C-alpha atoms as a PDB file:
ATOM      1  CA  MET A   1     -10.087   0.293  15.308  1.00  0.00           C
ATOM      2  CA  ARG A   2      -6.830  -1.651  15.560  1.00  0.00           C
ATOM      3  CA  ILE A   3      -4.151  -0.172  13.283  1.00  0.00           C
ATOM      4  CA  LEU A   4      -0.515  -1.107  12.732  1.00  0.00           C
ATOM      5  CA  LEU A   5       1.814   0.993  10.604  1.00  0.00           C
ATOM      6  CA  THR A   6       4.349  -1.235   8.878  1.00  0.00           C
ATOM      7  CA  GLY A   7       6.565  -1.168   5.799  1.00  0.00           C
ATOM      8  CA  SER A   8       9.370   1.133   4.785  1.00  0.00           C
ATOM      9  CA  HIS A   9       7.925   4.141   6.618  1.00  0.00           C
ATOM     10  CA  VAL A  10       8.612   2.245   9.850  1.00  0.00           C
ATOM     11  CA  TYR A  11      11.798   0.293   9.139  1.00  0.00           C
ATOM     12  CA  GLY A  12      13.218   2.009   6.045  1.00  0.00           C
ATOM     13  CA  PRO A  13      14.572   2.837   3.730  1.00  0.00           C
ATOM     14  CA  VAL A  14      11.853   5.165   2.444  1.00  0.00           C
ATOM     15  CA  HIS A  15      11.992   5.985  -1.259  1.00  0.00           C
ATOM     16  CA  GLU A  16      10.140   8.611  -3.280  1.00  0.00           C
ATOM     17  CA  ASP A  17       7.633   5.989  -4.489  1.00  0.00           C
ATOM     18  CA  SER A  18       7.202   4.213  -1.122  1.00  0.00           C
ATOM     19  CA  ASP A  19       3.593   3.610  -0.164  1.00  0.00           C
ATOM     20  CA  ILE A  20       2.264   3.689   3.386  1.00  0.00           C
ATOM     21  CA  ASP A  21       1.454   0.193   4.659  1.00  0.00           C
ATOM     22  CA  ILE A  22      -1.297  -0.139   7.246  1.00  0.00           C
ATOM     23  CA  VAL A  23      -2.457  -3.415   8.775  1.00  0.00           C
ATOM     24  CA  LEU A  24      -6.096  -3.525   9.884  1.00  0.00           C
ATOM     25  CA  HIS A  25      -8.313  -6.193  11.380  1.00  0.00           C
ATOM     26  CA  HIS A  26     -10.604  -7.390   8.564  1.00  0.00           C
ATOM     27  CA  ASP A  27     -13.754  -5.901  10.143  1.00  0.00           C
ATOM     28  CA  ASP A  28     -12.099  -2.487  10.364  1.00  0.00           C
ATOM     29  CA  ALA A  29     -10.665  -2.799   6.848  1.00  0.00           C
ATOM     30  CA  ASP A  30     -14.098  -3.663   5.452  1.00  0.00           C
ATOM     31  CA  GLU A  31     -15.626  -0.665   7.238  1.00  0.00           C
ATOM     32  CA  LEU A  32     -12.889   1.629   5.903  1.00  0.00           C
ATOM     33  CA  ARG A  33     -13.328   0.199   2.404  1.00  0.00           C
ATOM     34  CA  GLU A  34     -17.045   1.012   2.463  1.00  0.00           C
ATOM     35  CA  LYS A  35     -16.376   4.576   3.669  1.00  0.00           C
ATOM     36  CA  LEU A  36     -13.803   5.116   0.926  1.00  0.00           C
ATOM     37  CA  ILE A  37     -16.243   3.869  -1.706  1.00  0.00           C
ATOM     38  CA  GLU A  38     -18.933   6.220  -0.315  1.00  0.00           C
ATOM     39  CA  LYS A  39     -16.446   9.085  -0.772  1.00  0.00           C
ATOM     40  CA  ASN A  40     -15.769   7.939  -4.359  1.00  0.00           C
ATOM     41  CA  ILE A  41     -12.143   7.124  -3.589  1.00  0.00           C
ATOM     42  CA  GLU A  42     -10.896   4.575  -6.094  1.00  0.00           C
ATOM     43  CA  LEU A  43      -9.557   1.331  -4.650  1.00  0.00           C
ATOM     44  CA  PHE A  44      -7.125  -0.777  -6.627  1.00  0.00           C
ATOM     45  CA  ARG A  45      -4.649  -3.630  -6.520  1.00  0.00           C
ATOM     46  CA  SER A  46      -1.169  -3.598  -7.956  1.00  0.00           C
ATOM     47  CA  GLU A  47      -0.511  -5.657 -11.085  1.00  0.00           C
ATOM     48  CA  LYS A  48       1.335  -8.160  -8.910  1.00  0.00           C
ATOM     49  CA  GLN A  49      -1.718  -8.591  -6.653  1.00  0.00           C
ATOM     50  CA  GLN A  50      -4.348  -8.921  -9.363  1.00  0.00           C
ATOM     51  CA  GLY A  51      -5.637 -12.455  -9.679  1.00  0.00           C
ATOM     52  CA  THR A  52      -4.235 -13.402  -6.254  1.00  0.00           C
ATOM     53  CA  ASP A  53      -5.811 -13.778  -2.844  1.00  0.00           C
ATOM     54  CA  TYR A  54      -3.887 -10.741  -1.550  1.00  0.00           C
ATOM     55  CA  PRO A  55      -5.726  -9.626   1.596  1.00  0.00           C
ATOM     56  CA  GLY A  56      -6.008  -5.919   0.944  1.00  0.00           C
ATOM     57  CA  TYR A  57      -6.216  -2.977  -1.394  1.00  0.00           C
ATOM     58  CA  PHE A  58      -4.592   0.354  -2.224  1.00  0.00           C
ATOM     59  CA  PHE A  59      -5.963   3.856  -2.513  1.00  0.00           C
ATOM     60  CA  SER A  60      -4.368   7.198  -3.251  1.00  0.00           C
ATOM     61  CA  LEU A  61      -4.711  10.522  -1.479  1.00  0.00           C
ATOM     62  CA  GLY A  62      -2.937  13.034  -3.647  1.00  0.00           C
ATOM     63  CA  ILE A  63       0.681  11.959  -3.886  1.00  0.00           C
ATOM     64  CA  LEU A  64       0.339   9.348  -1.100  1.00  0.00           C
ATOM     65  CA  THR A  65      -0.536   5.745  -1.849  1.00  0.00           C
ATOM     66  CA  ILE A  66      -1.957   3.813   1.093  1.00  0.00           C
ATOM     67  CA  ASN A  67      -1.760   0.008   1.185  1.00  0.00           C
ATOM     68  CA  ILE A  68      -4.399  -1.561   3.461  1.00  0.00           C
ATOM     69  CA  ILE A  69      -3.548  -5.103   4.555  1.00  0.00           C
ATOM     70  CA  TYR A  70      -6.296  -7.235   6.131  1.00  0.00           C
ATOM     71  CA  VAL A  71      -5.652  -9.621   9.015  1.00  0.00           C
ATOM     72  CA  GLN A  72      -8.194 -12.130  10.237  1.00  0.00           C
ATOM     73  CA  ASP A  73      -7.548 -12.072  13.974  1.00  0.00           C
ATOM     74  CA  ASP A  74      -5.471 -10.691  16.830  1.00  0.00           C
ATOM     75  CA  GLU A  75      -2.859 -13.434  16.463  1.00  0.00           C
ATOM     76  CA  GLU A  76      -2.213 -12.504  12.847  1.00  0.00           C
ATOM     77  CA  MET A  77      -1.993  -8.822  13.863  1.00  0.00           C
ATOM     78  CA  LEU A  78       0.604  -9.833  16.459  1.00  0.00           C
ATOM     79  CA  THR A  79       2.701 -11.621  13.831  1.00  0.00           C
ATOM     80  CA  TRP A  80       2.724  -8.466  11.683  1.00  0.00           C
ATOM     81  CA  LYS A  81       3.678  -6.402  14.754  1.00  0.00           C
ATOM     82  CA  ARG A  82       6.496  -8.807  15.663  1.00  0.00           C
ATOM     83  CA  ALA A  83       7.890  -8.759  12.114  1.00  0.00           C
ATOM     84  CA  THR A  84       7.655  -4.957  11.903  1.00  0.00           C
ATOM     85  CA  GLU A  85       9.472  -4.561  15.220  1.00  0.00           C
ATOM     86  CA  LYS A  86      12.163  -7.023  14.105  1.00  0.00           C
ATOM     87  CA  LEU A  87      12.876  -5.116  10.894  1.00  0.00           C
ATOM     88  CA  ALA A  88      12.763  -1.778  12.733  1.00  0.00           C
ATOM     89  CA  SER A  89      15.484  -3.086  15.084  1.00  0.00           C
ATOM     90  CA  LEU A  90      17.843  -3.809  12.163  1.00  0.00           C
ATOM     91  CA  PRO A  91      19.779  -1.440   9.929  1.00  0.00           C
ATOM     92  CA  PRO A  92      17.619  -0.660   6.864  1.00  0.00           C
ATOM     93  CA  ILE A  93      17.723  -3.408   4.237  1.00  0.00           C
ATOM     94  CA  GLU A  94      17.933  -1.999   0.713  1.00  0.00           C
ATOM     95  CA  ASP A  95      17.334  -5.231  -1.206  1.00  0.00           C
ATOM     96  CA  LYS A  96      13.565  -5.775  -1.432  1.00  0.00           C
ATOM     97  CA  GLU A  97      13.782  -9.584  -1.740  1.00  0.00           C
ATOM     98  CA  GLU A  98      16.036  -9.755   1.330  1.00  0.00           C
ATOM     99  CA  LYS A  99      13.666  -7.478   3.245  1.00  0.00           C
ATOM    100  CA  ILE A 100      10.718  -9.729   2.377  1.00  0.00           C
ATOM    101  CA  ARG A 101      12.670 -12.857   3.398  1.00  0.00           C
ATOM    102  CA  VAL A 102      13.611 -11.366   6.787  1.00  0.00           C
ATOM    103  CA  PHE A 103      10.070 -10.056   7.305  1.00  0.00           C
ATOM    104  CA  GLU A 104       8.456 -13.423   6.530  1.00  0.00           C
ATOM    105  CA  ALA A 105      10.891 -15.251   8.816  1.00  0.00           C
ATOM    106  CA  ALA A 106      10.049 -12.828  11.633  1.00  0.00           C
ATOM    107  CA  ARG A 107       6.310 -13.238  10.991  1.00  0.00           C
ATOM    108  CA  LYS A 108       6.770 -16.977  11.457  1.00  0.00           C
ATOM    109  CA  GLY A 109       8.648 -16.389  14.696  1.00  0.00           C
ATOM    110  CA  GLY A 110      12.136 -17.072  13.341  1.00  0.00           C
ATOM    111  CA  GLU A 111      15.281 -15.054  13.799  1.00  0.00           C
ATOM    112  CA  ASP A 112      16.560 -14.815  10.250  1.00  0.00           C
ATOM    113  CA  LYS A 113      18.961 -11.854  10.516  1.00  0.00           C
ATOM    114  CA  GLU A 114      21.557 -11.194  13.145  1.00  0.00           C
END
């Protein structure tokens, strides 16, 4: 199973309501999804993701919310890894919109933040 931890738990800042973001290859994510369903663990999408083609789902384990993000291939996994490493190399960005902008630029191979 190929797993990449990303999100605020890697590059900060972590807040009380921060979820744990995990990137999985789609085959692994589908397998995990089936195992969670077998264990009667409820899977859900955030309001923002409902009605979109968001490639993933959330589930909760007690007070932890886990966000599973699907990727289609090794190249897409590499883009997530590159973006995560870029944000981890910077001071934590508090503004969520700015963090997303920098992350997306890094995923596309750009250097958006000095």
